[in-house]
Amino acid sequence: MNSLEQVLNWEYSHQLVENAKCLTGPGRELGHWAIDQLKVFMGERWFDDIGGKGHILLSLQWWNINDSPGVYGNLFVLAAQLLLLRNFQDFNKLKYQMRKNHDNSEWLHSLLQLEIAGNALRYDWKCRFEPDLRDGKSTDLFIFNDERNCFFEIVTMRSSNEFQETNKNFKIVNNSLQSICMTNGVSISGEMDRMLSEKDIDTLIYEFEKAAIEVATTNADVIIEERGSYKIKITSQPNGDSFSGPPTSTDILGRIGARIKDKAKQTGSEKNVWIYFGDYSGLWEFTLWGQLSLTDKLRFIGIQIRGILHDYPNISGLIISNGWSLGAWASEDTVEERDDDSNIISLAIRRISQNIRSKETIIIGRDGTVSDDLMFLAQWFYEETSWLDWAFQKIGFNYRTNELFNI
């Protein structure tokens, strides 16, 4: 057995729990319980299945080779979610994806689904994972109780490396189209909304070249369009060639707006849809906006997002969060934005867990509306740091979170 095989197994994870200095006696007891829950959910041979790849559970925020209260806090929450939510309708859909799909972006998506569903359960809501909609499409979550219901679409804002690929993809398309423009003496304007596959690029270039020849021959403008992918106008008049690519990490609001547009289209057959953005792109860490106070963050982004939401009546609001990150750089805080009648229309919440993890969540409702949904969502995130204590009691453990760690 080589050194990698010696550590990539459930037995070694249990050994790490036993030797963990950050855990108390009760903490080690629940550490072993959490590892066993993951083993049941993921399967005995999960470590063999991933083949040593860089799975998110083997990152320093999740793998207990990092002897840290923050890591064990993440594991306790995940184990409790998997146990408490297993009887929800269509949970096996999520289980299958998490066991078989080792893509980290998909896993982050699933973790956000579990987070929303876990909060819903705490307040006696029921949940369906990835149900079909009336038009045959599907959504990520449907939560409901005896009085109301709403849909959730989950979006993971991913790392800048992936958006570099978007730029690379656009340059390939743009260079090809500009070459055709020069050959035929025509100009181009429009936008590309998403990355295109090689097949899509070949199709676009073929259609564009035919349209460019037609415009050069007739002097009549032509528009070629693929909904959700691109819309391009070709003209014989010089117009500066204003052709833009998909929004990238340098255009955060553009990226958010593009995803809202996508999700509004996907869920167009339904009403009362909320979109939850989990940011893993560095928005909080690497932008000037991320350095603003909680008040200024909300003031800046609230106005912009409500302007975007105005065009999509089936979208009730947006939640954006940086997730639990190691480090507590500021105190807990809540900032509310109110309309002229003093009704809350958006708010920002910062919470600290175990004195070492922090999370900021911004909730923005539609312009000019006061939603009961916004208020119950605010309660979810406002009381989020006590979710694990509630979950332990629900499961039958008599421990509180602050008894588990040597801090």
Protein backbone atom coordinates (compact mmCIF):
# COMPACT_ATOMS: atom_id res chain seq x y z
CA MET A 1 0.00 0.00 0.00
CA ASN A 2 1.48 3.37 -1.01
CA SER A 3 1.35 6.51 1.15
CA LEU A 4 -1.68 7.95 -0.69
CA GLU A 5 -3.69 4.76 -0.20
CA GLN A 6 -2.81 4.83 3.49
CA VAL A 7 -4.58 8.16 4.03
CA LEU A 8 -7.39 8.01 1.46
CA ASN A 9 -9.78 5.76 3.36
CA TRP A 10 -12.43 5.99 6.06
CA GLU A 11 -10.26 4.26 8.68
CA TYR A 12 -7.64 6.99 8.45
CA SER A 13 -10.35 9.65 8.82
CA HIS A 14 -11.38 7.96 12.07
CA GLN A 15 -7.76 7.97 13.22
CA LEU A 16 -7.60 11.70 12.58
CA VAL A 17 -10.70 12.19 14.73
CA GLU A 18 -9.17 10.19 17.57
CA ASN A 19 -6.00 12.30 17.48
CA ALA A 20 -7.71 15.66 16.94
CA LYS A 21 -6.47 18.25 19.43
CA CYS A 22 -9.20 20.72 18.57
CA LEU A 23 -11.95 18.32 19.73
CA THR A 24 -13.15 17.61 23.25
CA GLY A 25 -14.29 14.12 24.29
CA PRO A 26 -17.86 14.78 23.09
CA GLY A 27 -16.38 16.35 19.95
CA ARG A 28 -14.47 13.16 19.14
CA GLU A 29 -17.62 11.12 19.73
CA LEU A 30 -19.53 13.23 17.21
CA GLY A 31 -16.51 13.31 14.90
CA HIS A 32 -16.64 9.52 14.59
CA TRP A 33 -20.41 9.75 14.08
CA ALA A 34 -19.96 12.31 11.28
CA ILE A 35 -17.38 10.16 9.46
CA ASP A 36 -19.72 7.17 9.71
CA GLN A 37 -22.59 9.22 8.26
CA LEU A 38 -20.44 10.23 5.30
CA LYS A 39 -19.34 6.64 4.81
CA VAL A 40 -22.96 5.43 4.70
CA PHE A 41 -23.92 8.19 2.28
CA MET A 42 -20.88 8.08 -0.03
CA GLY A 43 -20.27 4.34 0.12
CA GLU A 44 -17.44 2.12 1.38
CA ARG A 45 -15.40 2.49 -1.83
CA TRP A 46 -15.82 6.25 -2.32
CA PHE A 47 -12.12 6.99 -1.82
CA ASP A 48 -11.31 4.40 -4.51
CA ASP A 49 -13.91 5.94 -6.83
CA ILE A 50 -12.39 9.42 -6.71
CA GLY A 51 -8.94 7.97 -7.41
CA GLY A 52 -6.98 10.59 -5.48
CA LYS A 53 -8.51 13.48 -7.43
CA GLY A 54 -8.82 16.90 -5.81
CA HIS A 55 -12.33 16.45 -4.48
CA ILE A 56 -13.75 19.26 -2.36
CA LEU A 57 -14.05 16.91 0.63
CA LEU A 58 -10.26 16.54 0.48
CA SER A 59 -9.69 20.30 0.64
CA LEU A 60 -8.38 21.99 3.79
CA GLN A 61 -11.84 23.36 4.55
CA TRP A 62 -13.35 19.88 4.67
CA TRP A 63 -10.80 17.12 5.18
CA ASN A 64 -10.06 16.52 8.84
CA ILE A 65 -6.37 16.08 8.13
CA ASN A 66 -6.64 19.80 8.92
CA ASP A 67 -7.17 19.66 12.70
CA SER A 68 -9.43 22.71 12.86
CA PRO A 69 -12.80 23.49 14.52
CA GLY A 70 -13.90 25.06 11.23
CA VAL A 71 -13.33 21.80 9.36
CA TYR A 72 -15.15 19.71 11.94
CA GLY A 73 -17.95 22.27 12.02
CA ASN A 74 -18.40 21.77 8.27
CA LEU A 75 -18.39 17.98 8.67
CA PHE A 76 -20.91 18.05 11.54
CA VAL A 77 -23.30 20.21 9.53
CA LEU A 78 -23.02 18.04 6.40
CA ALA A 79 -23.51 14.80 8.36
CA ALA A 80 -26.59 16.24 10.11
CA GLN A 81 -28.06 17.46 6.81
CA LEU A 82 -27.59 14.08 5.15
CA LEU A 83 -29.29 12.29 8.05
CA LEU A 84 -32.18 14.70 8.59
CA LEU A 85 -33.04 15.27 4.92
CA ARG A 86 -32.84 11.68 3.70
CA ASN A 87 -36.61 11.18 3.79
CA PHE A 88 -37.43 14.27 1.74
CA GLN A 89 -39.02 13.57 -1.62
CA ASP A 90 -36.50 12.96 -4.43
CA PHE A 91 -33.54 13.04 -2.02
CA ASN A 92 -32.14 10.02 -3.86
CA LYS A 93 -31.67 12.21 -6.95
CA LEU A 94 -29.27 14.37 -4.98
CA LYS A 95 -27.61 11.36 -3.37
CA TYR A 96 -26.93 9.78 -6.76
CA GLN A 97 -25.38 12.99 -8.10
CA MET A 98 -23.16 13.52 -5.07
CA ARG A 99 -21.93 9.93 -5.10
CA LYS A 100 -21.28 9.67 -8.82
CA ASN A 101 -20.42 13.21 -9.90
CA HIS A 102 -17.05 14.27 -8.47
CA ASP A 103 -16.97 17.67 -10.16
CA ASN A 104 -16.36 20.27 -7.44
CA SER A 105 -18.68 22.83 -8.99
CA GLU A 106 -21.54 20.32 -8.93
CA TRP A 107 -20.71 19.42 -5.34
CA LEU A 108 -20.81 23.06 -4.27
CA HIS A 109 -24.21 23.29 -5.96
CA SER A 110 -25.44 20.26 -4.00
CA LEU A 111 -24.12 21.67 -0.71
CA LEU A 112 -26.17 24.83 -1.26
CA GLN A 113 -29.26 22.71 -1.93
CA LEU A 114 -28.68 20.91 1.37
CA GLU A 115 -28.23 24.24 3.17
CA ILE A 116 -31.56 25.63 1.96
CA ALA A 117 -33.38 22.35 2.62
CA GLY A 118 -31.89 22.11 6.11
CA ASN A 119 -33.08 25.61 6.96
CA ALA A 120 -36.52 24.78 5.56
CA LEU A 121 -36.78 21.67 7.74
CA ARG A 122 -35.94 23.63 10.87
CA TYR A 123 -39.03 25.79 10.37
CA ASP A 124 -41.34 22.90 9.43
CA TRP A 125 -41.25 23.32 5.67
CA LYS A 126 -41.19 20.31 3.40
CA CYS A 127 -38.88 20.07 0.42
CA ARG A 128 -38.52 18.34 -2.95
CA PHE A 129 -35.15 18.05 -4.65
CA GLU A 130 -35.03 18.83 -8.37
CA PRO A 131 -38.74 18.43 -9.10
CA ASP A 132 -40.17 18.69 -12.61
CA LEU A 133 -41.99 21.89 -13.50
CA ARG A 134 -45.25 22.14 -15.42
CA ASP A 135 -43.46 22.77 -18.71
CA GLY A 136 -41.26 19.69 -18.34
CA LYS A 137 -38.16 21.54 -17.14
CA SER A 138 -36.84 21.15 -13.61
CA THR A 139 -35.78 23.36 -10.72
CA ASP A 140 -33.29 22.81 -7.91
CA LEU A 141 -35.63 22.93 -4.92
CA PHE A 142 -39.31 23.30 -4.14
CA ILE A 143 -40.20 24.12 -0.52
CA PHE A 144 -43.72 24.28 0.84
CA ASN A 145 -45.91 24.20 3.93
CA ASP A 146 -49.66 24.38 4.48
CA GLU A 147 -49.79 28.10 3.67
CA ARG A 148 -47.24 28.89 0.96
CA ASN A 149 -44.54 27.60 -1.35
CA CYS A 150 -41.59 28.83 -3.36
CA PHE A 151 -38.97 27.54 -5.78
CA PHE A 152 -35.20 27.88 -5.46
CA GLU A 153 -32.63 27.99 -8.20
CA ILE A 154 -29.01 27.56 -7.09
CA VAL A 155 -26.10 29.29 -8.82
CA THR A 156 -22.43 28.82 -7.97
CA MET A 157 -20.24 31.79 -8.92
CA ARG A 158 -17.04 30.01 -9.80
CA SER A 159 -13.35 30.84 -9.87
CA SER A 160 -11.71 33.32 -12.19
CA ASN A 161 -9.81 30.55 -14.00
CA GLU A 162 -13.05 29.30 -15.45
CA PHE A 163 -13.96 32.76 -16.64
CA GLN A 164 -10.59 33.04 -18.32
CA GLU A 165 -11.81 30.13 -20.38
CA THR A 166 -14.89 32.19 -21.24
CA ASN A 167 -12.70 35.00 -22.52
CA LYS A 168 -10.61 32.55 -24.53
CA ASN A 169 -13.75 31.09 -26.06
CA PHE A 170 -15.04 34.52 -27.04
CA LYS A 171 -11.76 35.53 -28.65
CA ILE A 172 -11.90 32.46 -30.90
CA VAL A 173 -15.42 33.43 -32.02
CA ASN A 174 -14.68 37.14 -32.35
CA ASN A 175 -11.49 36.67 -34.39
CA SER A 176 -13.30 34.36 -36.80
CA LEU A 177 -16.23 36.75 -37.27
CA GLN A 178 -14.04 39.83 -37.66
CA SER A 179 -12.05 38.04 -40.38
CA ILE A 180 -15.27 37.35 -42.28
CA CYS A 181 -16.32 40.99 -41.82
CA MET A 182 -13.07 42.23 -43.36
CA THR A 183 -13.32 39.82 -46.28
CA ASN A 184 -16.88 40.90 -47.14
CA GLY A 185 -16.76 44.58 -46.18
CA VAL A 186 -19.48 44.36 -43.54
CA SER A 187 -19.78 45.35 -39.87
CA ILE A 188 -21.06 43.53 -36.81
CA SER A 189 -22.86 44.42 -33.58
CA GLY A 190 -24.40 42.30 -30.87
CA GLU A 191 -23.46 40.03 -28.02
CA MET A 192 -22.61 36.47 -27.11
CA ASP A 193 -24.38 35.36 -23.92
CA ARG A 194 -22.49 32.18 -23.06
CA MET A 195 -19.54 30.00 -23.93
CA LEU A 196 -20.06 28.01 -27.13
CA SER A 197 -19.01 24.46 -27.84
CA GLU A 198 -16.77 23.73 -30.84
CA LYS A 199 -19.83 22.48 -32.72
CA ASP A 200 -21.77 25.67 -31.86
CA ILE A 201 -18.84 27.82 -33.01
CA ASP A 202 -18.66 25.97 -36.34
CA THR A 203 -22.41 26.43 -36.84
CA LEU A 204 -22.23 30.13 -35.97
CA ILE A 205 -19.32 30.77 -38.35
CA TYR A 206 -21.13 28.94 -41.17
CA GLU A 207 -24.37 30.92 -40.66
CA PHE A 208 -22.48 34.17 -40.18
CA GLU A 209 -20.49 33.78 -43.39
CA LYS A 210 -23.67 33.13 -45.40
CA ALA A 211 -25.32 36.19 -43.84
CA ALA A 212 -22.23 38.37 -44.45
CA ILE A 213 -22.22 37.46 -48.16
CA GLU A 214 -25.94 38.26 -48.35
CA VAL A 215 -25.46 41.67 -46.70
CA ALA A 216 -22.52 42.49 -48.99
CA THR A 217 -24.68 41.61 -52.02
CA THR A 218 -27.98 43.26 -51.03
CA ASN A 219 -26.90 46.02 -48.60
CA ALA A 220 -29.79 44.87 -46.38
CA ASP A 221 -29.12 44.22 -42.69
CA VAL A 222 -29.37 40.64 -41.39
CA ILE A 223 -29.77 39.43 -37.79
CA ILE A 224 -28.76 35.93 -36.76
CA GLU A 225 -29.84 34.74 -33.36
CA GLU A 226 -29.73 31.69 -31.12
CA ARG A 227 -31.78 32.36 -28.00
CA GLY A 228 -29.65 32.25 -24.87
CA SER A 229 -26.44 32.03 -26.91
CA TYR A 230 -26.00 35.06 -29.17
CA LYS A 231 -27.73 37.80 -31.15
CA ILE A 232 -25.70 39.42 -33.94
CA LYS A 233 -26.59 42.13 -36.45
CA ILE A 234 -24.64 42.31 -39.71
CA THR A 235 -24.78 45.53 -41.72
CA SER A 236 -23.10 47.08 -44.73
CA GLN A 237 -22.79 50.36 -42.81
CA PRO A 238 -19.65 50.97 -40.71
CA ASN A 239 -20.62 50.85 -37.04
CA GLY A 240 -17.41 50.22 -35.12
CA ASP A 241 -17.92 46.48 -34.71
CA SER A 242 -19.49 46.56 -31.22
CA PHE A 243 -19.59 42.83 -30.48
CA SER A 244 -19.33 41.80 -26.82
CA GLY A 245 -18.75 38.46 -25.14
CA PRO A 246 -20.29 36.77 -22.10
CA PRO A 247 -19.91 38.61 -18.78
CA THR A 248 -16.78 37.54 -16.91
CA SER A 249 -15.38 37.89 -13.40
CA THR A 250 -14.44 41.49 -14.15
CA ASP A 251 -18.16 42.24 -14.57
CA ILE A 252 -19.79 40.80 -11.46
CA LEU A 253 -23.17 42.47 -11.99
CA GLY A 254 -23.12 41.41 -15.62
CA ARG A 255 -22.54 37.83 -14.59
CA ILE A 256 -25.31 37.98 -12.00
CA GLY A 257 -27.67 39.57 -14.50
CA ALA A 258 -26.91 36.90 -17.09
CA ARG A 259 -27.65 34.10 -14.62
CA ILE A 260 -30.87 35.77 -13.45
CA LYS A 261 -31.93 35.91 -17.09
CA ASP A 262 -31.13 32.22 -17.55
CA LYS A 263 -32.97 31.16 -14.41
CA ALA A 264 -36.00 33.33 -15.21
CA LYS A 265 -36.26 31.62 -18.58
CA GLN A 266 -35.78 28.15 -17.08
CA THR A 267 -38.53 28.66 -14.48
CA GLY A 268 -40.85 30.79 -16.62
CA SER A 269 -43.79 28.44 -16.09
CA GLU A 270 -43.79 29.09 -12.33
CA LYS A 271 -44.10 32.02 -9.93
CA ASN A 272 -42.28 32.95 -6.73
CA VAL A 273 -38.78 31.80 -7.65
CA TRP A 274 -35.79 32.76 -5.50
CA ILE A 275 -32.22 32.53 -6.79
CA TYR A 276 -29.43 31.66 -4.35
CA PHE A 277 -25.95 32.68 -5.51
CA GLY A 278 -23.07 31.00 -3.71
CA ASP A 279 -19.92 33.00 -4.46
CA TYR A 280 -16.69 31.08 -5.01
CA SER A 281 -15.19 33.57 -7.46
CA GLY A 282 -13.41 35.87 -5.02
CA LEU A 283 -16.08 38.58 -5.05
CA TRP A 284 -15.66 39.08 -1.31
CA GLU A 285 -11.90 38.52 -1.24
CA PHE A 286 -10.55 40.19 -4.38
CA THR A 287 -12.81 43.09 -5.34
CA LEU A 288 -13.22 46.63 -4.04
CA TRP A 289 -16.89 45.85 -3.34
CA GLY A 290 -15.82 43.05 -1.02
CA GLN A 291 -13.87 45.53 1.11
CA LEU A 292 -16.88 47.80 1.69
CA SER A 293 -18.82 47.92 4.94
CA LEU A 294 -21.91 45.74 5.16
CA THR A 295 -24.07 48.86 4.77
CA ASP A 296 -22.29 50.00 1.63
CA LYS A 297 -22.29 46.50 0.14
CA LEU A 298 -26.06 46.35 0.48
CA ARG A 299 -26.61 49.91 -0.74
CA PHE A 300 -24.56 49.37 -3.90
CA ILE A 301 -25.74 45.94 -4.93
CA GLY A 302 -29.37 46.31 -3.81
CA ILE A 303 -30.14 49.10 -6.26
CA GLN A 304 -28.42 47.29 -9.12
CA ILE A 305 -30.09 43.93 -8.51
CA ARG A 306 -33.59 45.34 -8.13
CA GLY A 307 -33.11 47.05 -11.46
CA ILE A 308 -32.25 43.68 -13.03
CA LEU A 309 -35.12 41.84 -11.30
CA HIS A 310 -37.64 44.35 -12.62
CA ASP A 311 -37.57 42.62 -16.04
CA TYR A 312 -38.31 39.14 -14.66
CA PRO A 313 -41.67 39.05 -12.82
CA ASN A 314 -41.44 35.36 -11.86
CA ILE A 315 -38.24 36.00 -9.85
CA SER A 316 -39.18 37.12 -6.33
CA GLY A 317 -35.68 37.92 -5.17
CA LEU A 318 -32.04 37.02 -4.89
CA ILE A 319 -29.79 35.74 -2.12
CA ILE A 320 -26.01 36.04 -2.47
CA SER A 321 -23.51 34.72 0.06
CA ASN A 322 -19.81 34.02 0.38
CA GLY A 323 -20.48 30.85 2.42
CA TRP A 324 -18.73 29.96 5.64
CA SER A 325 -15.10 31.00 5.37
CA LEU A 326 -12.36 30.39 7.91
CA GLY A 327 -11.62 33.63 9.70
CA ALA A 328 -13.79 36.06 11.66
CA TRP A 329 -12.61 39.47 10.49
CA ALA A 330 -15.53 41.54 11.80
CA SER A 331 -18.32 41.40 14.35
CA GLU A 332 -21.84 40.14 13.71
CA ASP A 333 -24.11 42.70 12.13
CA THR A 334 -27.44 43.13 10.34
CA VAL A 335 -28.24 45.98 7.95
CA GLU A 336 -31.77 46.62 6.70
CA GLU A 337 -32.94 48.65 3.71
CA ARG A 338 -36.50 49.97 3.96
CA ASP A 339 -38.97 51.58 1.56
CA ASP A 340 -40.83 54.84 2.18
CA ASP A 341 -43.33 53.00 4.38
CA SER A 342 -40.53 51.55 6.53
CA ASN A 343 -41.03 48.04 5.15
CA ILE A 344 -37.87 45.96 4.78
CA ILE A 345 -37.06 45.36 1.09
CA SER A 346 -33.50 44.03 1.44
CA LEU A 347 -31.00 43.22 4.13
CA ALA A 348 -27.46 42.05 4.75
CA ILE A 349 -26.47 39.69 7.54
CA ARG A 350 -23.02 38.84 8.91
CA ARG A 351 -22.77 35.89 11.26
CA ILE A 352 -19.83 34.42 13.20
CA SER A 353 -19.66 30.74 14.13
CA GLN A 354 -17.34 29.21 16.73
CA ASN A 355 -15.48 32.55 16.77
CA ILE A 356 -13.45 31.41 13.75
CA ARG A 357 -15.85 31.17 10.82
CA SER A 358 -17.77 34.01 9.22
CA LYS A 359 -20.43 34.38 6.57
CA GLU A 360 -22.17 37.31 4.91
CA THR A 361 -25.55 36.92 3.25
CA ILE A 362 -27.43 39.55 1.26
CA ILE A 363 -31.16 39.12 0.53
CA ILE A 364 -32.78 41.40 -2.05
CA GLY A 365 -36.49 41.39 -2.89
CA ARG A 366 -38.17 42.73 -6.01
CA ASP A 367 -38.34 46.49 -6.44
CA GLY A 368 -41.26 48.08 -4.63
CA THR A 369 -42.56 44.88 -3.04
CA VAL A 370 -42.47 43.64 0.52
CA SER A 371 -42.43 39.87 0.57
CA ASP A 372 -43.28 37.56 3.46
CA ASP A 373 -40.77 35.22 1.84
CA LEU A 374 -38.02 37.75 2.37
CA MET A 375 -38.81 37.87 6.07
CA PHE A 376 -38.76 34.12 6.64
CA LEU A 377 -35.54 33.85 4.63
CA ALA A 378 -34.07 36.58 6.82
CA GLN A 379 -34.98 34.51 9.88
CA TRP A 380 -33.25 31.44 8.39
CA PHE A 381 -29.96 33.23 7.86
CA TYR A 382 -30.23 35.38 10.97
CA GLU A 383 -30.43 32.27 13.15
CA GLU A 384 -28.12 30.13 11.02
CA THR A 385 -25.35 29.85 13.62
CA SER A 386 -27.71 27.90 15.91
CA TRP A 387 -28.76 25.45 13.17
CA LEU A 388 -26.30 22.77 14.27
CA ASP A 389 -27.46 22.94 17.91
CA TRP A 390 -31.04 22.50 16.67
CA ALA A 391 -29.99 19.60 14.42
CA PHE A 392 -28.20 17.79 17.25
CA GLN A 393 -31.31 18.02 19.42
CA LYS A 394 -33.46 16.82 16.51
CA ILE A 395 -31.18 13.80 16.02
CA GLY A 396 -31.10 13.04 19.75
CA PHE A 397 -27.67 14.28 20.86
CA ASN A 398 -27.52 16.22 24.12
CA TYR A 399 -24.44 18.25 23.21
CA ARG A 400 -24.21 21.87 22.19
CA THR A 401 -21.69 23.07 19.64
CA ASN A 402 -19.58 24.99 22.16
CA GLU A 403 -18.97 21.75 24.08
CA LEU A 404 -17.29 20.07 21.12
CA PHE A 405 -14.19 22.21 20.59
CA ASN A 406 -11.09 23.24 22.49
CA ILE A 407 -11.11 26.93 21.62
